PDB file of N, CA and C in Angstrom:
ATOM      1  N   SER A   1      36.552-107.073-116.259  1.00  0.00           N
ATOM      2  CA  SER A   1      35.331-106.315-116.477  1.00  0.00           C
ATOM      3  C   SER A   1      35.291-105.817-117.915  1.00  0.00           C
ATOM      4  N   LEU A   2      34.115-105.467-118.358  1.00  0.00           N
ATOM      5  CA  LEU A   2      33.952-104.994-119.731  1.00  0.00           C
ATOM      6  C   LEU A   2      34.701-103.689-119.966  1.00  0.00           C
ATOM      7  N   TYR A   3      34.749-102.846-118.955  1.00  0.00           N
ATOM      8  CA  TYR A   3      35.472-101.574-119.076  1.00  0.00           C
ATOM      9  C   TYR A   3      36.949-101.830-119.387  1.00  0.00           C
ATOM     10  N   CYS A   4      37.543-102.763-118.704  1.00  0.00           N
ATOM     11  CA  CYS A   4      38.951-103.092-118.919  1.00  0.00           C
ATOM     12  C   CYS A   4      39.187-103.784-120.259  1.00  0.00           C
ATOM     13  N   MET A   5      38.141-104.387-120.813  1.00  0.00           N
ATOM     14  CA  MET A   5      38.271-105.083-122.095  1.00  0.00           C
ATOM     15  C   MET A   5      38.093-104.144-123.292  1.00  0.00           C
ATOM     16  N   GLY A   6      37.802-102.859-123.041  1.00  0.00           N
ATOM     17  CA  GLY A   6      37.725-101.902-124.138  1.00  0.00           C
ATOM     18  C   GLY A   6      36.423-101.149-124.254  1.00  0.00           C
ATOM     19  N   VAL A   7      35.460-101.444-123.417  1.00  0.00           N
ATOM     20  CA  VAL A   7      34.190-100.717-123.443  1.00  0.00           C
ATOM     21  C   VAL A   7      34.370 -99.485-122.549  1.00  0.00           C
ATOM     22  N   ASP A   8      35.197 -98.538-123.035  1.00  0.00           N
ATOM     23  CA  ASP A   8      35.587 -97.415-122.193  1.00  0.00           C
ATOM     24  C   ASP A   8      35.336 -96.046-122.817  1.00  0.00           C
ATOM     25  N   SER A   9      34.595 -95.998-123.903  1.00  0.00           N
ATOM     26  CA  SER A   9      34.238 -94.710-124.498  1.00  0.00           C
ATOM     27  C   SER A   9      33.021 -94.150-123.764  1.00  0.00           C
ATOM     28  N   VAL A  10      32.591 -92.959-124.170  1.00  0.00           N
ATOM     29  CA  VAL A  10      31.399 -92.356-123.556  1.00  0.00           C
ATOM     30  C   VAL A  10      30.182 -93.247-123.810  1.00  0.00           C
ATOM     31  N   ALA A  11      30.053 -93.744-125.026  1.00  0.00           N
ATOM     32  CA  ALA A  11      28.938 -94.649-125.344  1.00  0.00           C
ATOM     33  C   ALA A  11      29.058 -95.944-124.550  1.00  0.00           C
ATOM     34  N   GLY A  12      30.276 -96.445-124.402  1.00  0.00           N
ATOM     35  CA  GLY A  12      30.489 -97.665-123.640  1.00  0.00           C
ATOM     36  C   GLY A  12      30.124 -97.504-122.170  1.00  0.00           C
ATOM     37  N   ILE A  13      30.481 -96.367-121.599  1.00  0.00           N
ATOM     38  CA  ILE A  13      30.139 -96.105-120.207  1.00  0.00           C
ATOM     39  C   ILE A  13      28.628 -95.980-120.052  1.00  0.00           C
ATOM     40  N   ALA A  14      27.965 -95.375-121.033  1.00  0.00           N
ATOM     41  CA  ALA A  14      26.502 -95.283-120.999  1.00  0.00           C
ATOM     42  C   ALA A  14      25.879 -96.681-121.068  1.00  0.00           C
ATOM     43  N   ILE A  15      26.431 -97.534-121.906  1.00  0.00           N
ATOM     44  CA  ILE A  15      25.926 -98.904-122.010  1.00  0.00           C
ATOM     45  C   ILE A  15      26.163 -99.653-120.705  1.00  0.00           C
ATOM     46  N   LEU A  16      27.331 -99.500-120.109  1.00  0.00           N
ATOM     47  CA  LEU A  16      27.623-100.194-118.846  1.00  0.00           C
ATOM     48  C   LEU A  16      26.737 -99.686-117.716  1.00  0.00           C
ATOM     49  N   CYS A  17      26.461 -98.384-117.699  1.00  0.00           N
ATOM     50  CA  CYS A  17      25.549 -97.837-116.687  1.00  0.00           C
ATOM     51  C   CYS A  17      24.137 -98.389-116.890  1.00  0.00           C
ATOM     52  N   SER A  18      23.693 -98.440-118.149  1.00  0.00           N
ATOM     53  CA  SER A  18      22.357 -98.986-118.406  1.00  0.00           C
ATOM     54  C   SER A  18      22.312-100.476-118.074  1.00  0.00           C
ATOM     55  N   TYR A  19      23.407-101.191-118.311  1.00  0.00           N
ATOM     56  CA  TYR A  19      23.491-102.610-117.952  1.00  0.00           C
ATOM     57  C   TYR A  19      23.282-102.776-116.449  1.00  0.00           C
ATOM     58  N   CYS A  20      23.986-101.971-115.663  1.00  0.00           N
ATOM     59  CA  CYS A  20      23.861-102.053-114.196  1.00  0.00           C
ATOM     60  C   CYS A  20      22.461-101.664-113.734  1.00  0.00           C
ATOM     61  N   ILE A  21      21.906-100.622-114.313  1.00  0.00           N
ATOM     62  CA  ILE A  21      20.559-100.178-113.937  1.00  0.00           C
ATOM     63  C   ILE A  21      19.527-101.246-114.297  1.00  0.00           C
ATOM     64  N   CYS A  22      19.641-101.818-115.489  1.00  0.00           N
ATOM     65  CA  CYS A  22      18.703-102.870-115.905  1.00  0.00           C
ATOM     66  C   CYS A  22      18.834-104.103-115.017  1.00  0.00           C
ATOM     67  N   ALA A  23      20.054-104.440-114.598  1.00  0.00           N
ATOM     68  CA  ALA A  23      20.244-105.589-113.710  1.00  0.00           C
ATOM     69  C   ALA A  23      19.578-105.337-112.360  1.00  0.00           C
ATOM     70  N   VAL A  24      19.715-104.125-111.828  1.00  0.00           N
ATOM     71  CA  VAL A  24      19.096-103.792-110.545  1.00  0.00           C
ATOM     72  C   VAL A  24      17.571-103.811-110.674  1.00  0.00           C
ATOM     73  N   ILE A  25      17.054-103.260-111.773  1.00  0.00           N
ATOM     74  CA  ILE A  25      15.603-103.277-112.004  1.00  0.00           C
ATOM     75  C   ILE A  25      15.113-104.720-112.098  1.00  0.00           C
ATOM     76  N   ARG A  26      15.843-105.562-112.803  1.00  0.00           N
ATOM     77  CA  ARG A  26      15.467-106.970-112.970  1.00  0.00           C
ATOM     78  C   ARG A  26      15.427-107.685-111.626  1.00  0.00           C
ATOM     79  N   LEU A  27      16.443-107.469-110.800  1.00  0.00           N
ATOM     80  CA  LEU A  27      16.492-108.119-109.492  1.00  0.00           C
ATOM     81  C   LEU A  27      15.376-107.626-108.578  1.00  0.00           C
ATOM     82  N   ALA A  28      15.107-106.324-108.609  1.00  0.00           N
ATOM     83  CA  ALA A  28      14.022-105.776-107.783  1.00  0.00           C
ATOM     84  C   ALA A  28      12.678-106.322-108.249  1.00  0.00           C
ATOM     85  N   PHE A  29      12.467-106.372-109.561  1.00  0.00           N
ATOM     86  CA  PHE A  29      11.216-106.904-110.114  1.00  0.00           C
ATOM     87  C   PHE A  29      11.033-108.357-109.708  1.00  0.00           C
ATOM     88  N   PHE A  30      12.105-109.142-109.804  1.00  0.00           N
ATOM     89  CA  PHE A  30      12.028-110.552-109.413  1.00  0.00           C
ATOM     90  C   PHE A  30      11.643-110.687-107.948  1.00  0.00           C
ATOM     91  N   ASN A  31      12.273-109.905-107.084  1.00  0.00           N
ATOM     92  CA  ASN A  31      11.980-110.003-105.647  1.00  0.00           C
ATOM     93  C   ASN A  31      10.532-109.637-105.343  1.00  0.00           C
ATOM     94  N   VAL A  32      10.026-108.591-105.967  1.00  0.00           N
ATOM     95  CA  VAL A  32       8.640-108.171-105.729  1.00  0.00           C
ATOM     96  C   VAL A  32       7.669-109.217-106.262  1.00  0.00           C
ATOM     97  N   GLN A  33       7.885-109.698-107.470  1.00  0.00           N
ATOM     98  CA  GLN A  33       6.994-110.695-108.062  1.00  0.00           C
ATOM     99  C   GLN A  33       7.012-112.003-107.279  1.00  0.00           C
ATOM    100  N   GLU A  34       8.186-112.415-106.810  1.00  0.00           N
ATOM    101  CA  GLU A  34       8.288-113.660-106.054  1.00  0.00           C
ATOM    102  C   GLU A  34       7.581-113.531-104.708  1.00  0.00           C
ATOM    103  N   ALA A  35       7.694-112.381-104.069  1.00  0.00           N
ATOM    104  CA  ALA A  35       7.005-112.165-102.789  1.00  0.00           C
ATOM    105  C   ALA A  35       5.490-112.199-102.985  1.00  0.00           C
ATOM    106  N   LYS A  36       5.000-111.577-104.049  1.00  0.00           N
ATOM    107  CA  LYS A  36       3.560-111.603-104.348  1.00  0.00           C
ATOM    108  C   LYS A  36       3.092-113.013-104.659  1.00  0.00           C
ATOM    109  N   ARG A  37       3.885-113.748-105.436  1.00  0.00           N
ATOM    110  CA  ARG A  37       3.518-115.113-105.814  1.00  0.00           C
ATOM    111  C   ARG A  37       3.453-116.023-104.600  1.00  0.00           C
ATOM    112  N   GLN A  38       4.382-115.879-103.680  1.00  0.00           N
ATOM    113  CA  GLN A  38       4.402-116.738-102.498  1.00  0.00           C
ATOM    114  C   GLN A  38       3.233-116.457-101.559  1.00  0.00           C
ATOM    115  N   GLN A  39       2.662-115.261-101.630  1.00  0.00           N
ATOM    116  CA  GLN A  39       1.473-114.962-100.828  1.00  0.00           C
ATOM    117  C   GLN A  39       0.252-115.692-101.368  1.00  0.00           C
ATOM    118  N   VAL A  40       0.226-115.943-102.657  1.00  0.00           N
ATOM    119  CA  VAL A  40      -0.926-116.551-103.315  1.00  0.00           C
ATOM    120  C   VAL A  40      -0.799-118.069-103.414  1.00  0.00           C
ATOM    121  N   GLU A  41       0.393-118.562-103.708  1.00  0.00           N
ATOM    122  CA  GLU A  41       0.582-119.995-103.936  1.00  0.00           C
ATOM    123  C   GLU A  41       1.854-120.478-103.251  1.00  0.00           C
ATOM    124  N   SER A  42       1.951-121.779-103.080  1.00  0.00           N
ATOM    125  CA  SER A  42       3.154-122.349-102.479  1.00  0.00           C
ATOM    126  C   SER A  42       3.947-123.069-103.560  1.00  0.00           C
ATOM    127  N   GLY A  43       5.103-123.559-103.193  1.00  0.00           N
ATOM    128  CA  GLY A  43       5.943-124.262-104.158  1.00  0.00           C
ATOM    129  C   GLY A  43       6.835-123.301-104.905  1.00  0.00           C
ATOM    130  N   SER A  44       7.577-123.843-105.840  1.00  0.00           N
ATOM    131  CA  SER A  44       8.495-122.996-106.594  1.00  0.00           C
ATOM    132  C   SER A  44       7.910-122.639-107.950  1.00  0.00           C
ATOM    133  N   ASN A  45       8.381-121.539-108.466  1.00  0.00           N
ATOM    134  CA  ASN A  45       7.966-121.080-109.775  1.00  0.00           C
ATOM    135  C   ASN A  45       8.786-121.821-110.831  1.00  0.00           C
ATOM    136  N   LYS A  46       8.180-122.198-111.932  1.00  0.00           N
ATOM    137  CA  LYS A  46       8.878-122.969-112.955  1.00  0.00           C
ATOM    138  C   LYS A  46       9.507-122.096-114.040  1.00  0.00           C
ATOM    139  N   PHE A  47       9.232-120.788-114.018  1.00  0.00           N
ATOM    140  CA  PHE A  47       9.740-119.885-115.046  1.00  0.00           C
ATOM    141  C   PHE A  47      10.306-118.613-114.419  1.00  0.00           C
ATOM    142  N   TYR A  48      11.318-118.069-115.067  1.00  0.00           N
ATOM    143  CA  TYR A  48      11.782-116.712-114.777  1.00  0.00           C
ATOM    144  C   TYR A  48      11.050-115.786-115.734  1.00  0.00           C
ATOM    145  N   ARG A  49      10.877-114.551-115.341  1.00  0.00           N
ATOM    146  CA  ARG A  49      10.340-113.546-116.262  1.00  0.00           C
ATOM    147  C   ARG A  49      11.472-112.586-116.579  1.00  0.00           C
ATOM    148  N   GLY A  50      11.892-112.587-117.811  1.00  0.00           N
ATOM    149  CA  GLY A  50      13.062-111.829-118.222  1.00  0.00           C
ATOM    150  C   GLY A  50      14.310-112.681-118.071  1.00  0.00           C
ATOM    151  N   LEU A  51      15.394-112.214-118.641  1.00  0.00           N
ATOM    152  CA  LEU A  51      16.656-112.944-118.574  1.00  0.00           C
ATOM    153  C   LEU A  51      17.231-112.824-117.166  1.00  0.00           C
ATOM    154  N   PRO A  52      17.489-113.938-116.492  1.00  0.00           N
ATOM    155  CA  PRO A  52      18.072-113.865-115.152  1.00  0.00           C
ATOM    156  C   PRO A  52      19.460-113.205-115.199  1.00  0.00           C
ATOM    157  N   VAL A  53      19.758-112.389-114.225  1.00  0.00           N
ATOM    158  CA  VAL A  53      21.030-111.673-114.181  1.00  0.00           C
ATOM    159  C   VAL A  53      22.203-112.653-114.117  1.00  0.00           C
ATOM    160  N   THR A  54      22.001-113.780-113.491  1.00  0.00           N
ATOM    161  CA  THR A  54      23.084-114.752-113.357  1.00  0.00           C
ATOM    162  C   THR A  54      23.519-115.371-114.683  1.00  0.00           C
ATOM    163  N   THR A  55      22.699-115.253-115.712  1.00  0.00           N
ATOM    164  CA  THR A  55      23.101-115.811-117.013  1.00  0.00           C
ATOM    165  C   THR A  55      24.262-115.045-117.627  1.00  0.00           C
ATOM    166  N   SER A  56      24.508-113.830-117.147  1.00  0.00           N
ATOM    167  CA  SER A  56      25.659-113.090-117.664  1.00  0.00           C
ATOM    168  C   SER A  56      26.966-113.788-117.286  1.00  0.00           C
ATOM    169  N   SER A  57      26.915-114.623-116.238  1.00  0.00           N
ATOM    170  CA  SER A  57      28.113-115.390-115.878  1.00  0.00           C
ATOM    171  C   SER A  57      28.394-116.496-116.887  1.00  0.00           C
ATOM    172  N   LEU A  58      27.456-116.755-117.780  1.00  0.00           N
ATOM    173  CA  LEU A  58      27.671-117.690-118.891  1.00  0.00           C
ATOM    174  C   LEU A  58      27.894-116.958-120.209  1.00  0.00           C
ATOM    175  N   ILE A  59      27.142-115.890-120.423  1.00  0.00           N
ATOM    176  CA  ILE A  59      27.171-115.185-121.705  1.00  0.00           C
ATOM    177  C   ILE A  59      28.551-114.604-122.007  1.00  0.00           C
ATOM    178  N   PHE A  60      29.089-113.822-121.076  1.00  0.00           N
ATOM    179  CA  PHE A  60      30.349-113.131-121.356  1.00  0.00           C
ATOM    180  C   PHE A  60      31.555-114.065-121.395  1.00  0.00           C
ATOM    181  N   PRO A  61      31.688-115.034-120.495  1.00  0.00           N
ATOM    182  CA  PRO A  61      32.818-115.969-120.658  1.00  0.00           C
ATOM    183  C   PRO A  61      32.767-116.752-121.969  1.00  0.00           C
ATOM    184  N   LEU A  62      31.568-117.122-122.406  1.00  0.00           N
ATOM    185  CA  LEU A  62      31.462-117.819-123.696  1.00  0.00           C
ATOM    186  C   LEU A  62      31.886-116.905-124.837  1.00  0.00           C
ATOM    187  N   TYR A  63      31.536-115.630-124.747  1.00  0.00           N
ATOM    188  CA  TYR A  63      31.955-114.683-125.788  1.00  0.00           C
ATOM    189  C   TYR A  63      33.471-114.489-125.755  1.00  0.00           C
ATOM    190  N   PHE A  64      34.060-114.483-124.566  1.00  0.00           N
ATOM    191  CA  PHE A  64      35.508-114.298-124.466  1.00  0.00           C
ATOM    192  C   PHE A  64      36.278-115.446-125.106  1.00  0.00           C
ATOM    193  N   LEU A  65      35.645-116.587-125.288  1.00  0.00           N
ATOM    194  CA  LEU A  65      36.298-117.702-125.961  1.00  0.00           C
ATOM    195  C   LEU A  65      36.630-117.389-127.418  1.00  0.00           C
ATOM    196  N   VAL A  66      35.887-116.475-128.033  1.00  0.00           N
ATOM    197  CA  VAL A  66      36.136-116.135-129.437  1.00  0.00           C
ATOM    198  C   VAL A  66      37.091-114.954-129.587  1.00  0.00           C
ATOM    199  N   LYS A  67      37.646-114.484-128.479  1.00  0.00           N
ATOM    200  CA  LYS A  67      38.539-113.325-128.537  1.00  0.00           C
ATOM    201  C   LYS A  67      39.725-113.567-129.469  1.00  0.00           C
ATOM    202  N   GLY A  68      40.301-114.742-129.447  1.00  0.00           N
ATOM    203  CA  GLY A  68      41.444-115.041-130.303  1.00  0.00           C
ATOM    204  C   GLY A  68      41.091-115.133-131.773  1.00  0.00           C
ATOM    205  N   ILE A  69      39.835-115.357-132.090  1.00  0.00           N
ATOM    206  CA  ILE A  69      39.399-115.517-133.470  1.00  0.00           C
ATOM    207  C   ILE A  69      39.074-114.168-134.108  1.00  0.00           C
ATOM    208  N   LEU A  70      38.469-113.269-133.326  1.00  0.00           N
ATOM    209  CA  LEU A  70      38.038-111.973-133.853  1.00  0.00           C
ATOM    210  C   LEU A  70      39.140-110.929-133.749  1.00  0.00           C
ATOM    211  N   PRO A  71      39.231-110.035-134.739  1.00  0.00           N
ATOM    212  CA  PRO A  71      40.167-108.911-134.604  1.00  0.00           C
ATOM    213  C   PRO A  71      39.754-108.030-133.425  1.00  0.00           C
ATOM    214  N   GLY A  72      40.708-107.314-132.834  1.00  0.00           N
ATOM    215  CA  GLY A  72      40.472-106.519-131.634  1.00  0.00           C
ATOM    216  C   GLY A  72      39.277-105.585-131.702  1.00  0.00           C
ATOM    217  N   ASN A  73      39.176-104.801-132.782  1.00  0.00           N
ATOM    218  CA  ASN A  73      38.065-103.843-132.889  1.00  0.00           C
ATOM    219  C   ASN A  73      36.720-104.538-133.011  1.00  0.00           C
ATOM    220  N   LEU A  74      36.684-105.632-133.727  1.00  0.00           N
ATOM    221  CA  LEU A  74      35.440-106.376-133.895  1.00  0.00           C
ATOM    222  C   LEU A  74      35.021-107.027-132.574  1.00  0.00           C
ATOM    223  N   PHE A  75      35.992-107.524-131.819  1.00  0.00           N
ATOM    224  CA  PHE A  75      35.696-108.115-130.517  1.00  0.00           C
ATOM    225  C   PHE A  75      35.104-107.064-129.579  1.00  0.00           C
ATOM    226  N   VAL A  76      35.692-105.886-129.538  1.00  0.00           N
ATOM    227  CA  VAL A  76      35.197-104.810-128.654  1.00  0.00           C
ATOM    228  C   VAL A  76      33.820-104.350-129.108  1.00  0.00           C
ATOM    229  N   ALA A  77      33.603-104.227-130.417  1.00  0.00           N
ATOM    230  CA  ALA A  77      32.277-103.847-130.922  1.00  0.00           C
ATOM    231  C   ALA A  77      31.242-104.892-130.507  1.00  0.00           C
ATOM    232  N   GLY A  78      31.629-106.154-130.540  1.00  0.00           N
ATOM    233  CA  GLY A  78      30.735-107.216-130.085  1.00  0.00           C
ATOM    234  C   GLY A  78      30.417-107.101-128.607  1.00  0.00           C
ATOM    235  N   LEU A  79      31.393-106.662-127.807  1.00  0.00           N
ATOM    236  CA  LEU A  79      31.149-106.454-126.383  1.00  0.00           C
ATOM    237  C   LEU A  79      30.108-105.357-126.158  1.00  0.00           C
ATOM    238  N   TYR A  80      30.218-104.272-126.929  1.00  0.00           N
ATOM    239  CA  TYR A  80      29.229-103.196-126.841  1.00  0.00           C
ATOM    240  C   TYR A  80      27.827-103.740-127.123  1.00  0.00           C
ATOM    241  N   ILE A  81      27.718-104.474-128.224  1.00  0.00           N
ATOM    242  CA  ILE A  81      26.413-105.008-128.632  1.00  0.00           C
ATOM    243  C   ILE A  81      25.897-106.020-127.619  1.00  0.00           C
ATOM    244  N   LEU A  82      26.767-106.906-127.169  1.00  0.00           N
ATOM    245  CA  LEU A  82      26.358-107.945-126.225  1.00  0.00           C
ATOM    246  C   LEU A  82      25.921-107.355-124.883  1.00  0.00           C
ATOM    247  N   ALA A  83      26.628-106.342-124.407  1.00  0.00           N
ATOM    248  CA  ALA A  83      26.256-105.699-123.141  1.00  0.00           C
ATOM    249  C   ALA A  83      24.909-104.990-123.272  1.00  0.00           C
ATOM    250  N   ALA A  84      24.711-104.272-124.383  1.00  0.00           N
ATOM    251  CA  ALA A  84      23.435-103.574-124.591  1.00  0.00           C
ATOM    252  C   ALA A  84      22.284-104.572-124.747  1.00  0.00           C
ATOM    253  N   LEU A  85      22.504-105.630-125.496  1.00  0.00           N
ATOM    254  CA  LEU A  85      21.467-106.649-125.700  1.00  0.00           C
ATOM    255  C   LEU A  85      21.125-107.363-124.395  1.00  0.00           C
ATOM    256  N   THR A  86      22.131-107.705-123.624  1.00  0.00           N
ATOM    257  CA  THR A  86      21.890-108.372-122.341  1.00  0.00           C
ATOM    258  C   THR A  86      21.113-107.463-121.405  1.00  0.00           C
ATOM    259  N   ALA A  87      21.478-106.184-121.357  1.00  0.00           N
ATOM    260  CA  ALA A  87      20.756-105.219-120.511  1.00  0.00           C
ATOM    261  C   ALA A  87      19.291-105.153-120.920  1.00  0.00           C
ATOM    262  N   PHE A  88      19.034-105.107-122.218  1.00  0.00           N
ATOM    263  CA  PHE A  88      17.660-105.050-122.715  1.00  0.00           C
ATOM    264  C   PHE A  88      16.888-106.322-122.338  1.00  0.00           C
ATOM    265  N   LEU A  89      17.541-107.476-122.447  1.00  0.00           N
ATOM    266  CA  LEU A  89      16.872-108.741-122.132  1.00  0.00           C
ATOM    267  C   LEU A  89      16.590-108.892-120.638  1.00  0.00           C
ATOM    268  N   PHE A  90      17.362-108.195-119.791  1.00  0.00           N
ATOM    269  CA  PHE A  90      17.071-108.217-118.359  1.00  0.00           C
ATOM    270  C   PHE A  90      15.680-107.682-118.066  1.00  0.00           C
ATOM    271  N   ILE A  91      15.272-106.647-118.771  1.00  0.00           N
ATOM    272  CA  ILE A  91      14.000-105.986-118.457  1.00  0.00           C
ATOM    273  C   ILE A  91      12.880-106.336-119.422  1.00  0.00           C
ATOM    274  N   LEU A  92      13.179-107.079-120.479  1.00  0.00           N
ATOM    275  CA  LEU A  92      12.144-107.518-121.403  1.00  0.00           C
ATOM    276  C   LEU A  92      11.309-108.605-120.726  1.00  0.00           C
ATOM    277  N   ASP A  93      10.000-108.533-120.873  1.00  0.00           N
ATOM    278  CA  ASP A  93       9.108-109.481-120.206  1.00  0.00           C
ATOM    279  C   ASP A  93       8.863-110.693-121.106  1.00  0.00           C
ATOM    280  N   PHE A  94       9.587-111.772-120.842  1.00  0.00           N
ATOM    281  CA  PHE A  94       9.379-113.043-121.527  1.00  0.00           C
ATOM    282  C   PHE A  94       9.715-114.156-120.540  1.00  0.00           C
ATOM    283  N   LYS A  95       9.234-115.349-120.815  1.00  0.00           N
ATOM    284  CA  LYS A  95       9.432-116.474-119.894  1.00  0.00           C
ATOM    285  C   LYS A  95      10.688-117.259-120.265  1.00  0.00           C
ATOM    286  N   VAL A  96      11.451-117.612-119.222  1.00  0.00           N
ATOM    287  CA  VAL A  96      12.615-118.481-119.363  1.00  0.00           C
ATOM    288  C   VAL A  96      12.420-119.630-118.388  1.00  0.00           C
ATOM    289  N   LYS A  97      12.429-120.848-118.900  1.00  0.00           N
ATOM    290  CA  LYS A  97      12.228-122.008-118.042  1.00  0.00           C
ATOM    291  C   LYS A  97      13.411-122.166-117.089  1.00  0.00           C
ATOM    292  N   LYS A  98      13.098-122.381-115.814  1.00  0.00           N
ATOM    293  CA  LYS A  98      14.131-122.616-114.821  1.00  0.00           C
ATOM    294  C   LYS A  98      14.703-124.014-115.029  1.00  0.00           C
ATOM    295  N   PRO A  99      16.017-124.159-114.854  1.00  0.00           N
ATOM    296  CA  PRO A  99      16.585-125.506-114.957  1.00  0.00           C
ATOM    297  C   PRO A  99      16.135-126.352-113.781  1.00  0.00           C
ATOM    298  N   ASN A 100      15.923-127.620-114.035  1.00  0.00           N
ATOM    299  CA  ASN A 100      15.511-128.551-112.993  1.00  0.00           C
ATOM    300  C   ASN A 100      16.768-129.150-112.372  1.00  0.00           C
ATOM    301  N   VAL A 101      17.110-128.698-111.171  1.00  0.00           N
ATOM    302  CA  VAL A 101      18.350-129.112-110.523  1.00  0.00           C
ATOM    303  C   VAL A 101      18.361-130.603-110.240  1.00  0.00           C
ATOM    304  N   SER A 102      17.234-131.164-109.857  1.00  0.00           N
ATOM    305  CA  SER A 102      17.212-132.597-109.563  1.00  0.00           C
ATOM    306  C   SER A 102      17.523-133.433-110.796  1.00  0.00           C
ATOM    307  N   LYS A 103      17.115-132.985-111.974  1.00  0.00           N
ATOM    308  CA  LYS A 103      17.432-133.703-113.202  1.00  0.00           C
ATOM    309  C   LYS A 103      18.898-133.510-113.594  1.00  0.00           C
ATOM    310  N   LEU A 104      19.463-132.353-113.258  1.00  0.00           N
ATOM    311  CA  LEU A 104      20.858-132.099-113.591  1.00  0.00           C
ATOM    312  C   LEU A 104      21.808-132.936-112.754  1.00  0.00           C
ATOM    313  N   LEU A 105      21.406-133.247-111.532  1.00  0.00           N
ATOM    314  CA  LEU A 105      22.274-134.003-110.624  1.00  0.00           C
ATOM    315  C   LEU A 105      22.249-135.503-110.885  1.00  0.00           C
ATOM    316  N   LYS A 106      21.305-135.981-111.673  1.00  0.00           N
ATOM    317  CA  LYS A 106      21.200-137.424-111.946  1.00  0.00           C
ATOM    318  C   LYS A 106      22.132-137.846-113.026  1.00  0.00           C
TER     319      LYS A 106
END
């Protein structure tokens, strides 16, 4: 977890709390919007609105790959920035194209 990686100051805990709150808001917004959309139209939606929460499973492991390259303090500072930026992108209203699973499997 980010807390164990050094995001453990008062500011870090505030960022982690906002990250969790933004993720919950994003998931709730998605569920409400998807329920409304399905009442009006059928089929699947081709876009996400806001950064999907599941992308954090790609963002942070990719960042951890540079841990050996960056000095310890710089790596932790990057974690602070990355967590805050990801939290903000969860609730920012922009379109992200959904991956086409059928094309990925071919």
